[in-house]
Amino acid sequence: MRVHIVGGPGSGKTTLTRSLARECSLPLCELDTVAYEHGAGAKRSLDLRLADVVAVSRQDTWITEGIFLGWTDELFDRADAIIWLDLPWHLAAWRILLRHARASRVGANPHQGLRRLGPFLLDARRYYRAPANVAAAPDDDRAVTRDATANLLARYRRKTIHCRSRQDVEAAMRSIAARCGG
């Protein structure tokens, strides 16, 4: 089983991916660790990201998650199932705030302080609210929006599970777990 989970910031990608990886015994790849040094540092070169994505996609089984479009096409192509976490902005914003507070409280926040939280929330809101833009390059992060994700996923509609609510996410988890014998 090969599963790719995509969605905006705060949509629950990491939580769902970790749960499904445990349930289905799938190797897990969080794409932030492919995109950025140590998952939160400087952006890695496009060549390195593409090489890592190809290496993951060629494995027999995997589960991946991330917001990224363009340089992750191989994962969309090779996935047996794609789960799109398309939850409302107000829920995502609340989750981002909670995640930031919890991580800061235990000293595990790689993005410490309110000076980073504010711009992150504005950028996250752009994902949910901005129209699709034409990407200037395969790794143009400004072109990654909800609308751009919807446009890309139209190509994969037969294998996409579109989750708009917590109930949809729970149903997707049950469906994938059943498919991998969990």
N, C-alpha and C. Protein backbone atom coordinates (compact mmCIF):
# COMPACT_ATOMS: atom_id res chain seq x y z
N MET A 1 0.85 -1.17 0.00
CA MET A 1 0.00 0.00 0.00
C MET A 1 0.89 1.24 0.00
N ARG A 2 0.56 2.17 -0.86
CA ARG A 2 1.27 3.46 -0.94
C ARG A 2 0.21 4.56 -0.79
N VAL A 3 0.38 5.40 0.24
CA VAL A 3 -0.61 6.43 0.56
C VAL A 3 0.08 7.77 0.64
N HIS A 4 -0.50 8.76 -0.02
CA HIS A 4 0.01 10.14 0.09
C HIS A 4 -1.09 10.99 0.70
N ILE A 5 -0.73 11.74 1.74
CA ILE A 5 -1.68 12.62 2.42
C ILE A 5 -1.26 14.06 2.15
N VAL A 6 -2.20 14.86 1.68
CA VAL A 6 -1.93 16.24 1.32
C VAL A 6 -2.99 17.13 1.97
N GLY A 7 -2.62 18.36 2.26
CA GLY A 7 -3.57 19.31 2.84
C GLY A 7 -2.82 20.52 3.36
N GLY A 8 -3.57 21.50 3.76
CA GLY A 8 -2.99 22.74 4.23
C GLY A 8 -2.42 22.64 5.63
N PRO A 9 -1.75 23.70 6.06
CA PRO A 9 -1.23 23.75 7.42
C PRO A 9 -2.36 23.57 8.43
N GLY A 10 -2.13 22.77 9.45
CA GLY A 10 -3.11 22.58 10.51
C GLY A 10 -4.25 21.64 10.15
N SER A 11 -4.17 20.98 9.00
CA SER A 11 -5.29 20.11 8.57
C SER A 11 -5.25 18.74 9.24
N GLY A 12 -4.14 18.38 9.87
CA GLY A 12 -4.04 17.09 10.55
C GLY A 12 -3.25 16.05 9.78
N LYS A 13 -2.46 16.48 8.81
CA LYS A 13 -1.68 15.54 7.98
C LYS A 13 -0.76 14.66 8.82
N THR A 14 0.02 15.27 9.68
CA THR A 14 1.01 14.52 10.46
C THR A 14 0.33 13.55 11.41
N THR A 15 -0.71 13.99 12.08
CA THR A 15 -1.43 13.13 13.01
C THR A 15 -2.02 11.92 12.30
N LEU A 16 -2.70 12.15 11.18
CA LEU A 16 -3.29 11.04 10.43
C LEU A 16 -2.22 10.12 9.88
N THR A 17 -1.16 10.68 9.34
CA THR A 17 -0.09 9.88 8.76
C THR A 17 0.54 8.97 9.81
N ARG A 18 0.83 9.50 10.96
CA ARG A 18 1.45 8.69 12.02
C ARG A 18 0.51 7.57 12.47
N SER A 19 -0.79 7.88 12.59
CA SER A 19 -1.76 6.86 12.98
C SER A 19 -1.85 5.75 11.95
N LEU A 20 -1.94 6.12 10.68
CA LEU A 20 -2.03 5.12 9.61
C LEU A 20 -0.75 4.32 9.47
N ALA A 21 0.39 4.97 9.65
CA ALA A 21 1.68 4.27 9.57
C ALA A 21 1.73 3.17 10.63
N ARG A 22 1.27 3.48 11.85
CA ARG A 22 1.24 2.48 12.92
C ARG A 22 0.23 1.38 12.59
N GLU A 23 -0.97 1.79 12.22
CA GLU A 23 -2.06 0.85 11.96
C GLU A 23 -1.73 -0.12 10.83
N CYS A 24 -1.10 0.39 9.78
CA CYS A 24 -0.83 -0.41 8.58
C CYS A 24 0.61 -0.88 8.46
N SER A 25 1.44 -0.55 9.44
CA SER A 25 2.87 -0.90 9.40
C SER A 25 3.53 -0.42 8.11
N LEU A 26 3.31 0.85 7.79
CA LEU A 26 3.89 1.46 6.59
C LEU A 26 5.06 2.36 6.97
N PRO A 27 6.13 2.33 6.17
CA PRO A 27 7.21 3.29 6.41
C PRO A 27 6.71 4.70 6.14
N LEU A 28 7.08 5.60 7.00
CA LEU A 28 6.56 6.96 7.01
C LEU A 28 7.60 7.95 6.51
N CYS A 29 7.16 8.90 5.69
CA CYS A 29 8.02 10.00 5.26
C CYS A 29 7.25 11.31 5.38
N GLU A 30 7.70 12.15 6.31
CA GLU A 30 7.13 13.49 6.45
C GLU A 30 7.92 14.40 5.51
N LEU A 31 7.25 14.98 4.54
CA LEU A 31 7.93 15.72 3.49
C LEU A 31 8.61 17.00 3.96
N ASP A 32 8.26 17.50 5.13
CA ASP A 32 9.01 18.64 5.68
C ASP A 32 10.48 18.28 5.85
N THR A 33 10.74 16.99 6.19
CA THR A 33 12.14 16.57 6.36
C THR A 33 12.86 16.43 5.02
N VAL A 34 12.11 16.31 3.95
CA VAL A 34 12.69 16.29 2.60
C VAL A 34 12.87 17.72 2.10
N ALA A 35 11.93 18.58 2.41
CA ALA A 35 11.93 19.95 1.91
C ALA A 35 12.94 20.85 2.61
N TYR A 36 13.13 20.64 3.92
CA TYR A 36 13.94 21.56 4.72
C TYR A 36 15.00 20.80 5.51
N GLU A 37 16.15 21.40 5.69
CA GLU A 37 17.19 20.82 6.53
C GLU A 37 16.62 20.57 7.92
N HIS A 38 16.73 19.35 8.40
CA HIS A 38 16.24 18.96 9.73
C HIS A 38 14.75 19.21 9.90
N GLY A 39 14.00 19.30 8.80
CA GLY A 39 12.55 19.47 8.85
C GLY A 39 12.07 20.87 9.11
N ALA A 40 12.95 21.80 9.47
CA ALA A 40 12.51 23.15 9.79
C ALA A 40 13.57 24.20 9.49
N GLY A 41 14.66 23.81 8.87
CA GLY A 41 15.75 24.75 8.60
C GLY A 41 15.67 25.34 7.21
N ALA A 42 16.82 25.51 6.60
CA ALA A 42 16.90 26.08 5.26
C ALA A 42 16.29 25.12 4.24
N LYS A 43 15.72 25.68 3.20
CA LYS A 43 15.13 24.87 2.13
C LYS A 43 16.24 24.10 1.41
N ARG A 44 16.01 22.79 1.20
CA ARG A 44 16.97 21.96 0.48
C ARG A 44 16.84 22.20 -1.02
N SER A 45 17.88 21.90 -1.77
CA SER A 45 17.85 22.12 -3.22
C SER A 45 16.77 21.24 -3.87
N LEU A 46 16.26 21.72 -4.98
CA LEU A 46 15.24 20.97 -5.72
C LEU A 46 15.77 19.60 -6.14
N ASP A 47 17.01 19.53 -6.57
CA ASP A 47 17.60 18.25 -6.98
C ASP A 47 17.59 17.23 -5.84
N LEU A 48 17.95 17.66 -4.65
CA LEU A 48 17.96 16.75 -3.50
C LEU A 48 16.54 16.30 -3.15
N ARG A 49 15.59 17.25 -3.18
CA ARG A 49 14.20 16.89 -2.87
C ARG A 49 13.64 15.90 -3.88
N LEU A 50 13.88 16.16 -5.16
CA LEU A 50 13.39 15.26 -6.21
C LEU A 50 14.00 13.86 -6.07
N ALA A 51 15.28 13.80 -5.79
CA ALA A 51 15.94 12.49 -5.61
C ALA A 51 15.33 11.73 -4.44
N ASP A 52 15.07 12.42 -3.34
CA ASP A 52 14.46 11.76 -2.17
C ASP A 52 13.04 11.29 -2.48
N VAL A 53 12.27 12.10 -3.18
CA VAL A 53 10.89 11.73 -3.53
C VAL A 53 10.89 10.50 -4.45
N VAL A 54 11.77 10.47 -5.41
CA VAL A 54 11.86 9.31 -6.31
C VAL A 54 12.24 8.07 -5.50
N ALA A 55 13.19 8.19 -4.60
CA ALA A 55 13.62 7.04 -3.78
C ALA A 55 12.45 6.51 -2.94
N VAL A 56 11.69 7.41 -2.34
CA VAL A 56 10.52 6.98 -1.54
C VAL A 56 9.50 6.33 -2.45
N SER A 57 9.18 6.97 -3.57
CA SER A 57 8.11 6.48 -4.44
C SER A 57 8.39 5.10 -5.02
N ARG A 58 9.64 4.73 -5.13
CA ARG A 58 10.01 3.44 -5.71
C ARG A 58 9.92 2.29 -4.71
N GLN A 59 9.71 2.61 -3.45
CA GLN A 59 9.54 1.57 -2.44
C GLN A 59 8.19 0.89 -2.66
N ASP A 60 8.07 -0.35 -2.19
CA ASP A 60 6.82 -1.10 -2.35
C ASP A 60 5.68 -0.55 -1.51
N THR A 61 6.01 -0.11 -0.30
CA THR A 61 4.99 0.43 0.60
C THR A 61 5.51 1.71 1.23
N TRP A 62 4.60 2.65 1.47
CA TRP A 62 4.96 3.90 2.13
C TRP A 62 3.71 4.71 2.43
N ILE A 63 3.89 5.65 3.34
CA ILE A 63 2.89 6.68 3.57
C ILE A 63 3.67 7.99 3.70
N THR A 64 3.24 8.99 2.95
CA THR A 64 3.89 10.29 2.95
C THR A 64 2.87 11.36 3.25
N GLU A 65 3.37 12.50 3.72
CA GLU A 65 2.46 13.62 3.97
C GLU A 65 3.18 14.93 3.75
N GLY A 66 2.41 15.91 3.25
CA GLY A 66 2.96 17.24 3.07
C GLY A 66 1.99 18.13 2.31
N ILE A 67 2.27 19.39 2.34
CA ILE A 67 1.48 20.40 1.65
C ILE A 67 1.95 20.57 0.20
N PHE A 68 3.10 20.05 -0.12
CA PHE A 68 3.85 20.40 -1.33
C PHE A 68 3.23 19.90 -2.62
N LEU A 69 3.36 20.72 -3.65
CA LEU A 69 2.94 20.39 -5.02
C LEU A 69 4.15 20.61 -5.92
N GLY A 70 4.09 20.08 -7.13
CA GLY A 70 5.16 20.31 -8.10
C GLY A 70 6.24 19.26 -7.98
N TRP A 71 7.12 19.41 -7.03
CA TRP A 71 8.24 18.48 -6.89
C TRP A 71 7.82 17.14 -6.28
N THR A 72 6.58 16.99 -5.90
CA THR A 72 6.08 15.75 -5.30
C THR A 72 5.20 14.94 -6.27
N ASP A 73 5.18 15.32 -7.53
CA ASP A 73 4.30 14.65 -8.50
C ASP A 73 4.46 13.14 -8.51
N GLU A 74 5.68 12.66 -8.34
CA GLU A 74 5.94 11.21 -8.35
C GLU A 74 5.12 10.50 -7.27
N LEU A 75 4.93 11.15 -6.13
CA LEU A 75 4.15 10.53 -5.05
C LEU A 75 2.67 10.46 -5.43
N PHE A 76 2.15 11.53 -6.03
CA PHE A 76 0.76 11.52 -6.47
C PHE A 76 0.56 10.43 -7.52
N ASP A 77 1.51 10.32 -8.45
CA ASP A 77 1.40 9.33 -9.52
C ASP A 77 1.42 7.90 -8.99
N ARG A 78 2.32 7.60 -8.06
CA ARG A 78 2.53 6.22 -7.61
C ARG A 78 1.66 5.81 -6.43
N ALA A 79 0.99 6.75 -5.80
CA ALA A 79 0.15 6.41 -4.64
C ALA A 79 -1.02 5.52 -5.07
N ASP A 80 -1.34 4.56 -4.22
CA ASP A 80 -2.55 3.76 -4.40
C ASP A 80 -3.76 4.55 -3.94
N ALA A 81 -3.54 5.40 -2.95
CA ALA A 81 -4.60 6.27 -2.42
C ALA A 81 -4.00 7.61 -2.03
N ILE A 82 -4.77 8.65 -2.28
CA ILE A 82 -4.41 10.01 -1.87
C ILE A 82 -5.50 10.50 -0.93
N ILE A 83 -5.12 10.97 0.22
CA ILE A 83 -6.09 11.54 1.15
C ILE A 83 -5.87 13.04 1.17
N TRP A 84 -6.91 13.79 0.82
CA TRP A 84 -6.84 15.25 0.83
C TRP A 84 -7.58 15.75 2.06
N LEU A 85 -6.83 16.29 3.01
CA LEU A 85 -7.42 16.89 4.20
C LEU A 85 -7.77 18.34 3.88
N ASP A 86 -9.02 18.58 3.63
CA ASP A 86 -9.53 19.87 3.16
C ASP A 86 -10.50 20.44 4.19
N LEU A 87 -9.98 20.65 5.39
CA LEU A 87 -10.80 21.13 6.49
C LEU A 87 -10.91 22.65 6.46
N PRO A 88 -11.91 23.22 7.14
CA PRO A 88 -12.09 24.68 7.11
C PRO A 88 -10.93 25.44 7.77
N TRP A 89 -10.70 26.64 7.30
CA TRP A 89 -9.62 27.49 7.79
C TRP A 89 -9.71 27.71 9.29
N HIS A 90 -10.90 27.98 9.82
CA HIS A 90 -11.01 28.28 11.25
C HIS A 90 -10.54 27.10 12.10
N LEU A 91 -10.80 25.89 11.67
CA LEU A 91 -10.33 24.71 12.40
C LEU A 91 -8.81 24.58 12.28
N ALA A 92 -8.29 24.79 11.09
CA ALA A 92 -6.84 24.71 10.88
C ALA A 92 -6.11 25.76 11.73
N ALA A 93 -6.63 26.99 11.75
CA ALA A 93 -6.01 28.06 12.52
C ALA A 93 -5.98 27.70 14.01
N TRP A 94 -7.07 27.17 14.51
CA TRP A 94 -7.13 26.77 15.91
C TRP A 94 -6.08 25.69 16.20
N ARG A 95 -5.97 24.70 15.30
CA ARG A 95 -5.00 23.64 15.49
C ARG A 95 -3.56 24.18 15.46
N ILE A 96 -3.29 25.12 14.57
CA ILE A 96 -1.95 25.72 14.50
C ILE A 96 -1.61 26.41 15.81
N LEU A 97 -2.56 27.17 16.35
CA LEU A 97 -2.34 27.85 17.63
C LEU A 97 -2.08 26.85 18.75
N LEU A 98 -2.90 25.80 18.83
CA LEU A 98 -2.71 24.79 19.86
C LEU A 98 -1.37 24.08 19.72
N ARG A 99 -1.02 23.70 18.51
CA ARG A 99 0.26 23.01 18.27
C ARG A 99 1.43 23.90 18.69
N HIS A 100 1.36 25.17 18.34
CA HIS A 100 2.42 26.11 18.69
C HIS A 100 2.56 26.23 20.22
N ALA A 101 1.42 26.39 20.88
CA ALA A 101 1.44 26.54 22.34
C ALA A 101 1.96 25.28 23.02
N ARG A 102 1.49 24.12 22.60
CA ARG A 102 1.93 22.86 23.21
C ARG A 102 3.42 22.62 23.00
N ALA A 103 3.89 22.83 21.78
CA ALA A 103 5.30 22.60 21.48
C ALA A 103 6.18 23.60 22.24
N SER A 104 5.72 24.84 22.35
CA SER A 104 6.49 25.85 23.08
C SER A 104 6.55 25.51 24.57
N ARG A 105 5.45 25.03 25.12
CA ARG A 105 5.39 24.71 26.54
C ARG A 105 6.38 23.62 26.92
N VAL A 106 6.60 22.64 26.03
CA VAL A 106 7.52 21.54 26.35
C VAL A 106 8.91 21.75 25.75
N GLY A 107 9.14 22.91 25.16
CA GLY A 107 10.45 23.23 24.60
C GLY A 107 10.79 22.49 23.32
N ALA A 108 9.76 22.06 22.57
CA ALA A 108 9.99 21.29 21.34
C ALA A 108 9.55 22.04 20.09
N ASN A 109 9.41 23.35 20.19
CA ASN A 109 8.94 24.13 19.04
C ASN A 109 10.13 24.63 18.22
N PRO A 110 10.28 24.14 16.97
CA PRO A 110 11.38 24.62 16.15
C PRO A 110 11.16 26.05 15.65
N HIS A 111 9.95 26.56 15.85
CA HIS A 111 9.58 27.91 15.40
C HIS A 111 9.12 28.74 16.60
N GLN A 112 10.01 28.92 17.57
CA GLN A 112 9.69 29.60 18.82
C GLN A 112 9.22 31.04 18.61
N GLY A 113 8.33 31.47 19.48
CA GLY A 113 7.97 32.87 19.59
C GLY A 113 6.83 33.33 18.70
N LEU A 114 6.21 34.41 19.15
CA LEU A 114 5.07 34.98 18.43
C LEU A 114 5.50 35.66 17.13
N ARG A 115 6.76 36.09 17.04
CA ARG A 115 7.24 36.73 15.80
C ARG A 115 7.22 35.75 14.63
N ARG A 116 7.33 34.49 14.91
CA ARG A 116 7.25 33.48 13.84
C ARG A 116 5.82 32.97 13.66
N LEU A 117 5.05 32.93 14.73
CA LEU A 117 3.68 32.42 14.65
C LEU A 117 2.81 33.32 13.77
N GLY A 118 2.90 34.62 13.96
CA GLY A 118 2.06 35.55 13.18
C GLY A 118 2.25 35.39 11.68
N PRO A 119 3.48 35.49 11.17
CA PRO A 119 3.69 35.29 9.73
C PRO A 119 3.27 33.90 9.25
N PHE A 120 3.49 32.88 10.10
CA PHE A 120 3.10 31.53 9.71
C PHE A 120 1.58 31.45 9.55
N LEU A 121 0.84 32.05 10.49
CA LEU A 121 -0.62 32.05 10.38
C LEU A 121 -1.09 32.77 9.13
N LEU A 122 -0.46 33.90 8.81
CA LEU A 122 -0.83 34.63 7.59
C LEU A 122 -0.54 33.80 6.34
N ASP A 123 0.60 33.13 6.33
CA ASP A 123 0.94 32.29 5.19
C ASP A 123 0.00 31.09 5.10
N ALA A 124 -0.35 30.52 6.23
CA ALA A 124 -1.29 29.40 6.25
C ALA A 124 -2.66 29.85 5.74
N ARG A 125 -3.08 31.03 6.14
CA ARG A 125 -4.37 31.56 5.67
C ARG A 125 -4.36 31.72 4.16
N ARG A 126 -3.20 32.12 3.61
CA ARG A 126 -3.09 32.28 2.16
C ARG A 126 -3.36 30.96 1.47
N TYR A 127 -2.87 29.83 2.02
CA TYR A 127 -3.13 28.52 1.43
C TYR A 127 -4.64 28.32 1.28
N TYR A 128 -5.38 28.62 2.32
CA TYR A 128 -6.82 28.35 2.35
C TYR A 128 -7.63 29.35 1.53
N ARG A 129 -7.16 30.57 1.40
CA ARG A 129 -7.97 31.64 0.80
C ARG A 129 -7.54 32.09 -0.59
N ALA A 130 -6.28 31.95 -0.94
CA ALA A 130 -5.78 32.50 -2.20
C ALA A 130 -6.21 31.63 -3.38
N PRO A 131 -6.42 32.24 -4.52
CA PRO A 131 -6.74 31.45 -5.72
C PRO A 131 -5.50 30.70 -6.21
N ALA A 132 -5.73 29.76 -7.10
CA ALA A 132 -4.61 29.03 -7.70
C ALA A 132 -3.76 30.00 -8.51
N ASN A 133 -2.47 29.91 -8.35
CA ASN A 133 -1.53 30.73 -9.11
C ASN A 133 -0.70 29.81 -10.00
N VAL A 134 -0.22 30.33 -11.09
CA VAL A 134 0.67 29.55 -11.93
C VAL A 134 2.04 29.51 -11.26
N ALA A 135 2.56 28.32 -11.07
CA ALA A 135 3.86 28.16 -10.43
C ALA A 135 4.97 28.67 -11.34
N ALA A 136 5.87 29.44 -10.78
CA ALA A 136 7.02 29.94 -11.54
C ALA A 136 8.08 28.85 -11.70
N ALA A 137 8.08 27.88 -10.79
CA ALA A 137 9.04 26.78 -10.80
C ALA A 137 8.39 25.59 -10.09
N PRO A 138 8.93 24.40 -10.26
CA PRO A 138 8.33 23.21 -9.63
C PRO A 138 8.29 23.29 -8.11
N ASP A 139 9.09 24.17 -7.51
CA ASP A 139 9.11 24.27 -6.05
C ASP A 139 8.66 25.66 -5.59
N ASP A 140 7.79 26.29 -6.33
CA ASP A 140 7.28 27.62 -6.00
C ASP A 140 6.23 27.50 -4.89
N ASP A 141 6.66 27.71 -3.65
CA ASP A 141 5.77 27.56 -2.50
C ASP A 141 4.60 28.54 -2.54
N ARG A 142 4.75 29.68 -3.16
CA ARG A 142 3.66 30.66 -3.23
C ARG A 142 2.51 30.16 -4.10
N ALA A 143 2.76 29.18 -4.95
CA ALA A 143 1.72 28.63 -5.82
C ALA A 143 0.93 27.50 -5.15
N VAL A 144 1.34 27.11 -3.94
CA VAL A 144 0.65 26.03 -3.23
C VAL A 144 -0.52 26.63 -2.45
N THR A 145 -1.71 26.41 -2.97
CA THR A 145 -2.95 26.90 -2.35
C THR A 145 -3.98 25.77 -2.36
N ARG A 146 -5.05 25.99 -1.66
CA ARG A 146 -6.15 25.02 -1.67
C ARG A 146 -6.65 24.83 -3.09
N ASP A 147 -6.85 25.93 -3.82
CA ASP A 147 -7.34 25.83 -5.20
C ASP A 147 -6.37 25.08 -6.09
N ALA A 148 -5.06 25.32 -5.93
CA ALA A 148 -4.06 24.61 -6.73
C ALA A 148 -4.09 23.12 -6.40
N THR A 149 -4.27 22.79 -5.13
CA THR A 149 -4.37 21.39 -4.73
C THR A 149 -5.59 20.74 -5.38
N ALA A 150 -6.73 21.43 -5.34
CA ALA A 150 -7.95 20.91 -5.97
C ALA A 150 -7.74 20.69 -7.47
N ASN A 151 -7.10 21.63 -8.12
CA ASN A 151 -6.84 21.50 -9.55
C ASN A 151 -5.97 20.28 -9.85
N LEU A 152 -4.90 20.10 -9.07
CA LEU A 152 -4.02 18.95 -9.28
C LEU A 152 -4.77 17.64 -9.03
N LEU A 153 -5.53 17.59 -7.96
CA LEU A 153 -6.19 16.34 -7.58
C LEU A 153 -7.31 15.94 -8.54
N ALA A 154 -7.77 16.85 -9.36
CA ALA A 154 -8.78 16.48 -10.37
C ALA A 154 -8.25 15.35 -11.26
N ARG A 155 -6.95 15.35 -11.50
CA ARG A 155 -6.32 14.29 -12.30
C ARG A 155 -6.37 12.93 -11.61
N TYR A 156 -6.44 12.94 -10.31
CA TYR A 156 -6.36 11.72 -9.51
C TYR A 156 -7.67 11.40 -8.79
N ARG A 157 -8.78 11.90 -9.29
CA ARG A 157 -10.04 11.80 -8.55
C ARG A 157 -10.43 10.36 -8.21
N ARG A 158 -10.04 9.39 -9.02
CA ARG A 158 -10.43 8.00 -8.75
C ARG A 158 -9.74 7.42 -7.52
N LYS A 159 -8.58 7.97 -7.18
CA LYS A 159 -7.88 7.42 -6.01
C LYS A 159 -7.77 8.43 -4.87
N THR A 160 -8.49 9.55 -4.98
CA THR A 160 -8.46 10.57 -3.93
C THR A 160 -9.64 10.43 -2.99
N ILE A 161 -9.35 10.46 -1.71
CA ILE A 161 -10.37 10.51 -0.67
C ILE A 161 -10.36 11.94 -0.16
N HIS A 162 -11.44 12.66 -0.41
CA HIS A 162 -11.54 14.09 -0.07
C HIS A 162 -12.21 14.23 1.29
N CYS A 163 -11.47 14.69 2.27
CA CYS A 163 -11.96 14.81 3.65
C CYS A 163 -12.22 16.27 3.99
N ARG A 164 -13.48 16.59 4.28
CA ARG A 164 -13.87 17.96 4.62
C ARG A 164 -14.26 18.12 6.09
N SER A 165 -14.29 17.01 6.82
CA SER A 165 -14.70 17.05 8.23
C SER A 165 -13.95 15.96 9.00
N ARG A 166 -14.05 16.04 10.31
CA ARG A 166 -13.43 15.02 11.16
C ARG A 166 -14.03 13.64 10.87
N GLN A 167 -15.32 13.60 10.59
CA GLN A 167 -15.98 12.33 10.27
C GLN A 167 -15.42 11.74 8.96
N ASP A 168 -15.16 12.60 7.97
CA ASP A 168 -14.56 12.14 6.72
C ASP A 168 -13.16 11.56 6.98
N VAL A 169 -12.40 12.21 7.84
CA VAL A 169 -11.04 11.75 8.15
C VAL A 169 -11.11 10.39 8.84
N GLU A 170 -12.03 10.22 9.78
CA GLU A 170 -12.18 8.94 10.46
C GLU A 170 -12.58 7.84 9.47
N ALA A 171 -13.47 8.16 8.54
CA ALA A 171 -13.88 7.18 7.52
C ALA A 171 -12.71 6.83 6.61
N ALA A 172 -11.91 7.82 6.24
CA ALA A 172 -10.73 7.57 5.39
C ALA A 172 -9.75 6.66 6.12
N MET A 173 -9.56 6.90 7.40
CA MET A 173 -8.64 6.07 8.17
C MET A 173 -9.14 4.63 8.22
N ARG A 174 -10.43 4.45 8.46
CA ARG A 174 -10.98 3.09 8.48
C ARG A 174 -10.82 2.41 7.11
N SER A 175 -11.08 3.16 6.05
CA SER A 175 -10.99 2.61 4.70
C SER A 175 -9.57 2.17 4.37
N ILE A 176 -8.59 3.01 4.66
CA ILE A 176 -7.21 2.66 4.36
C ILE A 176 -6.75 1.51 5.25
N ALA A 177 -7.11 1.55 6.52
CA ALA A 177 -6.72 0.46 7.43
C ALA A 177 -7.29 -0.88 6.95
N ALA A 178 -8.53 -0.87 6.45
CA ALA A 178 -9.15 -2.09 5.94
C ALA A 178 -8.42 -2.59 4.70
N ARG A 179 -8.00 -1.65 3.85
CA ARG A 179 -7.30 -2.04 2.60
C ARG A 179 -5.92 -2.64 2.88
N CYS A 180 -5.31 -2.25 3.99
CA CYS A 180 -3.99 -2.81 4.26
C CYS A 180 -4.06 -3.89 5.34
N GLY A 181 -5.27 -4.35 5.60
CA GLY A 181 -5.44 -5.49 6.50
C GLY A 181 -5.40 -5.16 7.97
N GLY A 182 -5.48 -3.85 8.30
CA GLY A 182 -5.41 -3.46 9.71
C GLY A 182 -6.74 -3.49 10.41
